[in-house]
PDB file of N, CA and C in Angstrom:
ATOM      1  N   MET A   1     -54.951 -44.336  83.779  1.00  0.00           N
ATOM      2  CA  MET A   1     -55.554 -44.688  82.631  1.00  0.00           C
ATOM      3  C   MET A   1     -57.009 -44.244  82.771  1.00  0.00           C
ATOM      4  N   GLY A   2     -57.580 -43.643  81.859  1.00  0.00           N
ATOM      5  CA  GLY A   2     -58.967 -43.099  81.832  1.00  0.00           C
ATOM      6  C   GLY A   2     -59.740 -43.967  80.776  1.00  0.00           C
ATOM      7  N   PHE A   3     -61.142 -44.020  80.999  1.00  0.00           N
ATOM      8  CA  PHE A   3     -62.035 -44.806  80.094  1.00  0.00           C
ATOM      9  C   PHE A   3     -63.079 -43.921  79.754  1.00  0.00           C
ATOM     10  N   LEU A   4     -63.826 -44.044  78.729  1.00  0.00           N
ATOM     11  CA  LEU A   4     -64.862 -43.398  78.104  1.00  0.00           C
ATOM     12  C   LEU A   4     -65.975 -44.406  77.990  1.00  0.00           C
ATOM     13  N   LEU A   5     -67.267 -44.313  78.684  1.00  0.00           N
ATOM     14  CA  LEU A   5     -68.432 -45.218  78.560  1.00  0.00           C
ATOM     15  C   LEU A   5     -69.555 -44.378  78.194  1.00  0.00           C
ATOM     16  N   CYS A   6     -70.019 -44.803  77.170  1.00  0.00           N
ATOM     17  CA  CYS A   6     -71.324 -44.070  76.672  1.00  0.00           C
ATOM     18  C   CYS A   6     -72.323 -44.917  76.427  1.00  0.00           C
ATOM     19  N   ALA A   7     -73.546 -44.391  76.833  1.00  0.00           N
ATOM     20  CA  ALA A   7     -74.743 -45.360  76.623  1.00  0.00           C
ATOM     21  C   ALA A   7     -75.956 -44.795  76.107  1.00  0.00           C
ATOM     22  N   ALA A   8     -76.747 -45.153  75.637  1.00  0.00           N
ATOM     23  CA  ALA A   8     -78.117 -44.468  75.381  1.00  0.00           C
ATOM     24  C   ALA A   8     -79.244 -45.601  75.403  1.00  0.00           C
ATOM     25  N   THR A   9     -80.471 -44.890  75.701  1.00  0.00           N
ATOM     26  CA  THR A   9     -81.478 -45.748  76.117  1.00  0.00           C
ATOM     27  C   THR A   9     -82.851 -45.373  75.071  1.00  0.00           C
ATOM     28  N   ALA A  10     -83.446 -46.172  74.431  1.00  0.00           N
ATOM     29  CA  ALA A  10     -84.576 -46.123  73.719  1.00  0.00           C
ATOM     30  C   ALA A  10     -85.821 -45.896  74.534  1.00  0.00           C
ATOM     31  N   TRP A  11     -86.541 -44.840  74.154  1.00  0.00           N
ATOM     32  CA  TRP A  11     -87.791 -44.803  75.279  1.00  0.00           C
ATOM     33  C   TRP A  11     -89.059 -45.115  74.567  1.00  0.00           C
ATOM     34  N   ALA A  12     -89.164 -46.212  73.563  1.00  0.00           N
ATOM     35  CA  ALA A  12     -90.397 -46.521  72.857  1.00  0.00           C
ATOM     36  C   ALA A  12     -90.084 -48.050  72.772  1.00  0.00           C
ATOM     37  N   GLY A  13     -91.251 -48.899  73.192  1.00  0.00           N
ATOM     38  CA  GLY A  13     -91.154 -50.371  72.786  1.00  0.00           C
ATOM     39  C   GLY A  13     -90.012 -50.871  73.561  1.00  0.00           C
ATOM     40  N   PRO A  14     -89.414 -52.141  73.126  1.00  0.00           N
ATOM     41  CA  PRO A  14     -88.438 -52.783  73.921  1.00  0.00           C
ATOM     42  C   PRO A  14     -87.250 -51.846  73.933  1.00  0.00           C
ATOM     43  N   ALA A  15     -86.605 -51.460  75.080  1.00  0.00           N
ATOM     44  CA  ALA A  15     -85.459 -50.656  75.028  1.00  0.00           C
ATOM     45  C   ALA A  15     -84.064 -51.252  74.674  1.00  0.00           C
ATOM     46  N   SER A  16     -83.110 -50.661  74.355  1.00  0.00           N
ATOM     47  CA  SER A  16     -81.962 -50.964  74.096  1.00  0.00           C
ATOM     48  C   SER A  16     -80.855 -50.032  74.830  1.00  0.00           C
ATOM     49  N   ILE A  17     -79.862 -50.555  75.126  1.00  0.00           N
ATOM     50  CA  ILE A  17     -78.659 -49.692  75.445  1.00  0.00           C
ATOM     51  C   ILE A  17     -77.295 -49.990  74.703  1.00  0.00           C
ATOM     52  N   GLN A  18     -76.776 -49.054  73.937  1.00  0.00           N
ATOM     53  CA  GLN A  18     -75.670 -49.421  73.089  1.00  0.00           C
ATOM     54  C   GLN A  18     -74.664 -48.225  73.204  1.00  0.00           C
ATOM     55  N   GLY A  19     -73.380 -48.518  73.153  1.00  0.00           N
ATOM     56  CA  GLY A  19     -72.367 -47.475  73.071  1.00  0.00           C
ATOM     57  C   GLY A  19     -70.952 -48.032  72.731  1.00  0.00           C
ATOM     58  N   ILE A  20     -70.116 -47.093  73.068  1.00  0.00           N
ATOM     59  CA  ILE A  20     -68.700 -47.542  72.596  1.00  0.00           C
ATOM     60  C   ILE A  20     -67.709 -47.102  73.886  1.00  0.00           C
ATOM     61  N   VAL A  21     -66.793 -47.962  74.072  1.00  0.00           N
ATOM     62  CA  VAL A  21     -65.940 -47.976  75.179  1.00  0.00           C
ATOM     63  C   VAL A  21     -64.543 -47.783  74.702  1.00  0.00           C
ATOM     64  N   LYS A  22     -63.914 -46.566  75.144  1.00  0.00           N
ATOM     65  CA  LYS A  22     -62.617 -46.203  74.646  1.00  0.00           C
ATOM     66  C   LYS A  22     -61.650 -45.894  75.764  1.00  0.00           C
ATOM     67  N   ASP A  23     -60.282 -45.916  75.702  1.00  0.00           N
ATOM     68  CA  ASP A  23     -59.339 -45.500  76.733  1.00  0.00           C
ATOM     69  C   ASP A  23     -59.045 -44.127  76.673  1.00  0.00           C
ATOM     70  N   ALA A  24     -58.163 -43.790  77.354  1.00  0.00           N
ATOM     71  CA  ALA A  24     -58.061 -42.485  77.699  1.00  0.00           C
ATOM     72  C   ALA A  24     -57.305 -41.897  76.370  1.00  0.00           C
ATOM     73  N   LYS A  25     -56.819 -42.524  75.481  1.00  0.00           N
ATOM     74  CA  LYS A  25     -56.086 -42.131  74.212  1.00  0.00           C
ATOM     75  C   LYS A  25     -56.947 -42.115  73.043  1.00  0.00           C
ATOM     76  N   GLY A  26     -58.285 -42.638  73.413  1.00  0.00           N
ATOM     77  CA  GLY A  26     -59.419 -42.651  72.419  1.00  0.00           C
ATOM     78  C   GLY A  26     -59.359 -43.928  71.680  1.00  0.00           C
ATOM     79  N   GLN A  27     -58.635 -45.010  72.181  1.00  0.00           N
ATOM     80  CA  GLN A  27     -58.531 -46.297  71.495  1.00  0.00           C
ATOM     81  C   GLN A  27     -59.742 -47.333  71.888  1.00  0.00           C
ATOM     82  N   PRO A  28     -60.394 -47.982  71.192  1.00  0.00           N
ATOM     83  CA  PRO A  28     -61.465 -48.912  71.512  1.00  0.00           C
ATOM     84  C   PRO A  28     -61.039 -50.066  72.539  1.00  0.00           C
ATOM     85  N   ILE A  29     -61.723 -50.415  73.516  1.00  0.00           N
ATOM     86  CA  ILE A  29     -61.411 -51.458  74.316  1.00  0.00           C
ATOM     87  C   ILE A  29     -62.100 -52.613  74.145  1.00  0.00           C
ATOM     88  N   LYS A  30     -61.736 -53.629  73.596  1.00  0.00           N
ATOM     89  CA  LYS A  30     -62.291 -54.882  73.411  1.00  0.00           C
ATOM     90  C   LYS A  30     -62.345 -55.903  74.336  1.00  0.00           C
ATOM     91  N   ALA A  31     -63.380 -56.826  74.302  1.00  0.00           N
ATOM     92  CA  ALA A  31     -63.670 -57.698  75.185  1.00  0.00           C
ATOM     93  C   ALA A  31     -63.929 -57.290  76.718  1.00  0.00           C
ATOM     94  N   ALA A  32     -64.231 -56.097  76.776  1.00  0.00           N
ATOM     95  CA  ALA A  32     -64.439 -55.574  78.367  1.00  0.00           C
ATOM     96  C   ALA A  32     -66.055 -56.105  78.444  1.00  0.00           C
ATOM     97  N   ASP A  33     -66.285 -56.296  79.810  1.00  0.00           N
ATOM     98  CA  ASP A  33     -67.549 -56.561  80.286  1.00  0.00           C
ATOM     99  C   ASP A  33     -68.588 -55.356  80.567  1.00  0.00           C
ATOM    100  N   VAL A  34     -69.602 -55.310  80.084  1.00  0.00           N
ATOM    101  CA  VAL A  34     -70.556 -54.121  80.283  1.00  0.00           C
ATOM    102  C   VAL A  34     -71.838 -54.687  80.826  1.00  0.00           C
ATOM    103  N   ARG A  35     -72.048 -54.435  82.050  1.00  0.00           N
ATOM    104  CA  ARG A  35     -73.147 -54.824  82.979  1.00  0.00           C
ATOM    105  C   ARG A  35     -74.338 -53.886  83.118  1.00  0.00           C
ATOM    106  N   ILE A  36     -75.404 -54.343  82.718  1.00  0.00           N
ATOM    107  CA  ILE A  36     -76.779 -53.481  82.766  1.00  0.00           C
ATOM    108  C   ILE A  36     -77.393 -53.973  84.152  1.00  0.00           C
ATOM    109  N   GLU A  37     -77.411 -53.026  85.045  1.00  0.00           N
ATOM    110  CA  GLU A  37     -78.097 -53.326  86.295  1.00  0.00           C
ATOM    111  C   GLU A  37     -78.997 -52.287  86.596  1.00  0.00           C
ATOM    112  N   SER A  38     -79.787 -52.753  87.658  1.00  0.00           N
ATOM    113  CA  SER A  38     -80.634 -51.834  88.429  1.00  0.00           C
ATOM    114  C   SER A  38     -79.931 -50.628  89.047  1.00  0.00           C
ATOM    115  N   VAL A  39     -80.574 -49.433  89.105  1.00  0.00           N
ATOM    116  CA  VAL A  39     -79.848 -48.152  89.564  1.00  0.00           C
ATOM    117  C   VAL A  39     -79.093 -48.329  91.058  1.00  0.00           C
ATOM    118  N   ASP A  40     -79.744 -48.976  91.847  1.00  0.00           N
ATOM    119  CA  ASP A  40     -78.937 -49.349  93.119  1.00  0.00           C
ATOM    120  C   ASP A  40     -77.915 -50.637  92.991  1.00  0.00           C
ATOM    121  N   GLY A  41     -77.694 -51.142  91.793  1.00  0.00           N
ATOM    122  CA  GLY A  41     -76.756 -52.029  91.699  1.00  0.00           C
ATOM    123  C   GLY A  41     -77.016 -53.658  92.244  1.00  0.00           C
ATOM    124  N   LYS A  42     -78.309 -53.651  92.565  1.00  0.00           N
ATOM    125  CA  LYS A  42     -78.519 -54.993  93.453  1.00  0.00           C
ATOM    126  C   LYS A  42     -79.006 -56.077  92.533  1.00  0.00           C
ATOM    127  N   GLN A  43     -79.465 -55.502  91.239  1.00  0.00           N
ATOM    128  CA  GLN A  43     -79.895 -56.673  90.397  1.00  0.00           C
ATOM    129  C   GLN A  43     -79.465 -56.452  89.035  1.00  0.00           C
ATOM    130  N   LEU A  44     -78.751 -57.707  88.573  1.00  0.00           N
ATOM    131  CA  LEU A  44     -77.968 -57.554  87.266  1.00  0.00           C
ATOM    132  C   LEU A  44     -79.176 -58.276  86.105  1.00  0.00           C
ATOM    133  N   PHE A  45     -79.185 -57.241  85.080  1.00  0.00           N
ATOM    134  CA  PHE A  45     -80.214 -57.669  84.119  1.00  0.00           C
ATOM    135  C   PHE A  45     -79.432 -58.405  82.996  1.00  0.00           C
ATOM    136  N   LYS A  46     -78.280 -57.825  82.489  1.00  0.00           N
ATOM    137  CA  LYS A  46     -77.413 -58.520  81.315  1.00  0.00           C
ATOM    138  C   LYS A  46     -76.165 -58.163  81.471  1.00  0.00           C
ATOM    139  N   THR A  47     -75.168 -58.897  81.079  1.00  0.00           N
ATOM    140  CA  THR A  47     -73.852 -58.504  80.743  1.00  0.00           C
ATOM    141  C   THR A  47     -73.600 -58.921  79.275  1.00  0.00           C
ATOM    142  N   VAL A  48     -72.936 -57.853  78.704  1.00  0.00           N
ATOM    143  CA  VAL A  48     -72.630 -57.970  77.169  1.00  0.00           C
ATOM    144  C   VAL A  48     -71.006 -57.456  77.185  1.00  0.00           C
ATOM    145  N   LYS A  49     -70.460 -58.083  75.847  1.00  0.00           N
ATOM    146  CA  LYS A  49     -68.825 -57.868  75.946  1.00  0.00           C
ATOM    147  C   LYS A  49     -69.027 -56.882  74.704  1.00  0.00           C
ATOM    148  N   THR A  50     -67.643 -56.061  74.512  1.00  0.00           N
ATOM    149  CA  THR A  50     -67.465 -55.077  73.645  1.00  0.00           C
ATOM    150  C   THR A  50     -66.661 -55.926  72.483  1.00  0.00           C
ATOM    151  N   ASP A  51     -67.183 -55.419  71.304  1.00  0.00           N
ATOM    152  CA  ASP A  51     -66.435 -56.045  70.221  1.00  0.00           C
ATOM    153  C   ASP A  51     -64.965 -55.368  69.975  1.00  0.00           C
ATOM    154  N   ALA A  52     -64.533 -55.792  68.831  1.00  0.00           N
ATOM    155  CA  ALA A  52     -62.969 -55.260  68.505  1.00  0.00           C
ATOM    156  C   ALA A  52     -63.047 -53.595  68.469  1.00  0.00           C
ATOM    157  N   ARG A  53     -64.132 -53.034  68.233  1.00  0.00           N
ATOM    158  CA  ARG A  53     -64.223 -51.570  67.932  1.00  0.00           C
ATOM    159  C   ARG A  53     -64.701 -50.842  69.161  1.00  0.00           C
ATOM    160  N   GLY A  54     -64.880 -51.740  70.302  1.00  0.00           N
ATOM    161  CA  GLY A  54     -65.306 -51.166  71.617  1.00  0.00           C
ATOM    162  C   GLY A  54     -66.632 -51.160  71.877  1.00  0.00           C
ATOM    163  N   ARG A  55     -67.448 -51.532  70.632  1.00  0.00           N
ATOM    164  CA  ARG A  55     -68.981 -51.256  70.681  1.00  0.00           C
ATOM    165  C   ARG A  55     -69.598 -52.412  71.528  1.00  0.00           C
ATOM    166  N   TYR A  56     -70.783 -52.014  72.161  1.00  0.00           N
ATOM    167  CA  TYR A  56     -71.796 -53.054  72.835  1.00  0.00           C
ATOM    168  C   TYR A  56     -73.200 -52.602  72.665  1.00  0.00           C
ATOM    169  N   VAL A  57     -74.097 -53.587  72.507  1.00  0.00           N
ATOM    170  CA  VAL A  57     -75.440 -53.343  72.408  1.00  0.00           C
ATOM    171  C   VAL A  57     -76.023 -54.404  73.350  1.00  0.00           C
ATOM    172  N   SER A  58     -77.107 -53.820  74.237  1.00  0.00           N
ATOM    173  CA  SER A  58     -77.999 -54.770  74.901  1.00  0.00           C
ATOM    174  C   SER A  58     -79.311 -54.509  74.690  1.00  0.00           C
ATOM    175  N   GLN A  59     -80.007 -55.385  73.883  1.00  0.00           N
ATOM    176  CA  GLN A  59     -81.400 -55.272  73.521  1.00  0.00           C
ATOM    177  C   GLN A  59     -82.518 -55.996  74.165  1.00  0.00           C
ATOM    178  N   GLY A  60     -83.819 -55.622  74.102  1.00  0.00           N
ATOM    179  CA  GLY A  60     -84.674 -56.427  74.657  1.00  0.00           C
ATOM    180  C   GLY A  60     -84.834 -56.013  76.175  1.00  0.00           C
ATOM    181  N   LEU A  61     -84.568 -54.966  76.610  1.00  0.00           N
ATOM    182  CA  LEU A  61     -84.696 -54.346  77.916  1.00  0.00           C
ATOM    183  C   LEU A  61     -85.983 -53.816  78.323  1.00  0.00           C
ATOM    184  N   GLN A  62     -86.501 -53.929  79.564  1.00  0.00           N
ATOM    185  CA  GLN A  62     -87.490 -53.179  79.740  1.00  0.00           C
ATOM    186  C   GLN A  62     -87.537 -51.753  79.908  1.00  0.00           C
ATOM    187  N   LEU A  63     -88.481 -51.090  79.593  1.00  0.00           N
ATOM    188  CA  LEU A  63     -88.334 -49.520  79.777  1.00  0.00           C
ATOM    189  C   LEU A  63     -88.231 -48.952  81.271  1.00  0.00           C
ATOM    190  N   ARG A  64     -87.022 -48.649  81.607  1.00  0.00           N
ATOM    191  CA  ARG A  64     -86.832 -48.153  82.802  1.00  0.00           C
ATOM    192  C   ARG A  64     -85.375 -47.400  82.812  1.00  0.00           C
ATOM    193  N   VAL A  65     -84.915 -46.942  84.088  1.00  0.00           N
ATOM    194  CA  VAL A  65     -83.541 -46.479  84.245  1.00  0.00           C
ATOM    195  C   VAL A  65     -82.575 -47.479  84.547  1.00  0.00           C
ATOM    196  N   TYR A  66     -81.452 -47.598  83.893  1.00  0.00           N
ATOM    197  CA  TYR A  66     -80.651 -48.658  84.346  1.00  0.00           C
ATOM    198  C   TYR A  66     -79.207 -47.877  84.595  1.00  0.00           C
ATOM    199  N   ARG A  67     -78.227 -48.688  85.460  1.00  0.00           N
ATOM    200  CA  ARG A  67     -76.801 -48.418  85.718  1.00  0.00           C
ATOM    201  C   ARG A  67     -75.966 -49.220  84.778  1.00  0.00           C
ATOM    202  N   VAL A  68     -75.115 -48.653  84.279  1.00  0.00           N
ATOM    203  CA  VAL A  68     -74.072 -49.290  83.285  1.00  0.00           C
ATOM    204  C   VAL A  68     -72.673 -49.348  83.898  1.00  0.00           C
ATOM    205  N   THR A  69     -72.236 -50.549  84.235  1.00  0.00           N
ATOM    206  CA  THR A  69     -71.010 -50.855  84.901  1.00  0.00           C
ATOM    207  C   THR A  69     -70.128 -51.211  83.698  1.00  0.00           C
ATOM    208  N   LEU A  70     -68.792 -50.576  83.601  1.00  0.00           N
ATOM    209  CA  LEU A  70     -67.720 -51.252  82.808  1.00  0.00           C
ATOM    210  C   LEU A  70     -66.706 -52.113  83.746  1.00  0.00           C
ATOM    211  N   LEU A  71     -66.382 -53.017  83.114  1.00  0.00           N
ATOM    212  CA  LEU A  71     -65.354 -54.095  83.721  1.00  0.00           C
ATOM    213  C   LEU A  71     -64.339 -54.222  82.922  1.00  0.00           C
ATOM    214  N   VAL A  72     -63.182 -54.106  83.101  1.00  0.00           N
ATOM    215  CA  VAL A  72     -62.075 -54.489  82.101  1.00  0.00           C
ATOM    216  C   VAL A  72     -61.103 -55.212  82.902  1.00  0.00           C
ATOM    217  N   ASN A  73     -60.911 -56.672  82.646  1.00  0.00           N
ATOM    218  CA  ASN A  73     -60.080 -57.703  83.352  1.00  0.00           C
ATOM    219  C   ASN A  73     -60.645 -57.802  84.694  1.00  0.00           C
ATOM    220  N   GLY A  74     -62.015 -57.673  84.905  1.00  0.00           N
ATOM    221  CA  GLY A  74     -62.420 -58.030  86.182  1.00  0.00           C
ATOM    222  C   GLY A  74     -62.767 -57.001  87.087  1.00  0.00           C
ATOM    223  N   ALA A  75     -62.049 -55.759  86.771  1.00  0.00           N
ATOM    224  CA  ALA A  75     -61.953 -54.454  87.607  1.00  0.00           C
ATOM    225  C   ALA A  75     -62.999 -53.393  87.111  1.00  0.00           C
ATOM    226  N   VAL A  76     -63.705 -53.026  88.049  1.00  0.00           N
ATOM    227  CA  VAL A  76     -64.641 -51.836  87.605  1.00  0.00           C
ATOM    228  C   VAL A  76     -63.963 -50.637  87.211  1.00  0.00           C
ATOM    229  N   LYS A  77     -64.295 -50.239  86.111  1.00  0.00           N
ATOM    230  CA  LYS A  77     -63.433 -48.990  85.639  1.00  0.00           C
ATOM    231  C   LYS A  77     -64.387 -47.903  85.226  1.00  0.00           C
ATOM    232  N   GLY A  78     -65.848 -48.075  85.409  1.00  0.00           N
ATOM    233  CA  GLY A  78     -66.582 -46.828  85.233  1.00  0.00           C
ATOM    234  C   GLY A  78     -67.991 -47.347  85.555  1.00  0.00           C
ATOM    235  N   VAL A  79     -68.923 -46.281  85.890  1.00  0.00           N
ATOM    236  CA  VAL A  79     -70.215 -46.633  86.089  1.00  0.00           C
ATOM    237  C   VAL A  79     -71.085 -45.352  85.678  1.00  0.00           C
ATOM    238  N   LEU A  80     -72.075 -45.543  84.934  1.00  0.00           N
ATOM    239  CA  LEU A  80     -72.772 -44.647  84.223  1.00  0.00           C
ATOM    240  C   LEU A  80     -74.395 -44.846  84.507  1.00  0.00           C
ATOM    241  N   PRO A  81     -75.087 -44.224  85.090  1.00  0.00           N
ATOM    242  CA  PRO A  81     -76.529 -44.035  85.162  1.00  0.00           C
ATOM    243  C   PRO A  81     -77.127 -43.762  83.670  1.00  0.00           C
ATOM    244  N   THR A  82     -78.046 -44.461  83.243  1.00  0.00           N
ATOM    245  CA  THR A  82     -78.619 -43.972  81.909  1.00  0.00           C
ATOM    246  C   THR A  82     -80.031 -43.371  82.037  1.00  0.00           C
TER     247      THR A  82
END
């Protein structure tokens, strides 16, 4: 089973990360956890859930590089540096 995890960062003002999570067949994954972490993974900044369309948004972040980790049913399924 494959997963697609997309993220984008705004580089002006308060930053936000948003994206869509889909499975290998292109279907959205709802209620997955998306963790916004430090690049080394030692600090967790926020955790958000995907909606019914697989979308997630994390707003009000400081301007920096983050690691985005996808968890489905508690298991890590993907990691994306932004």
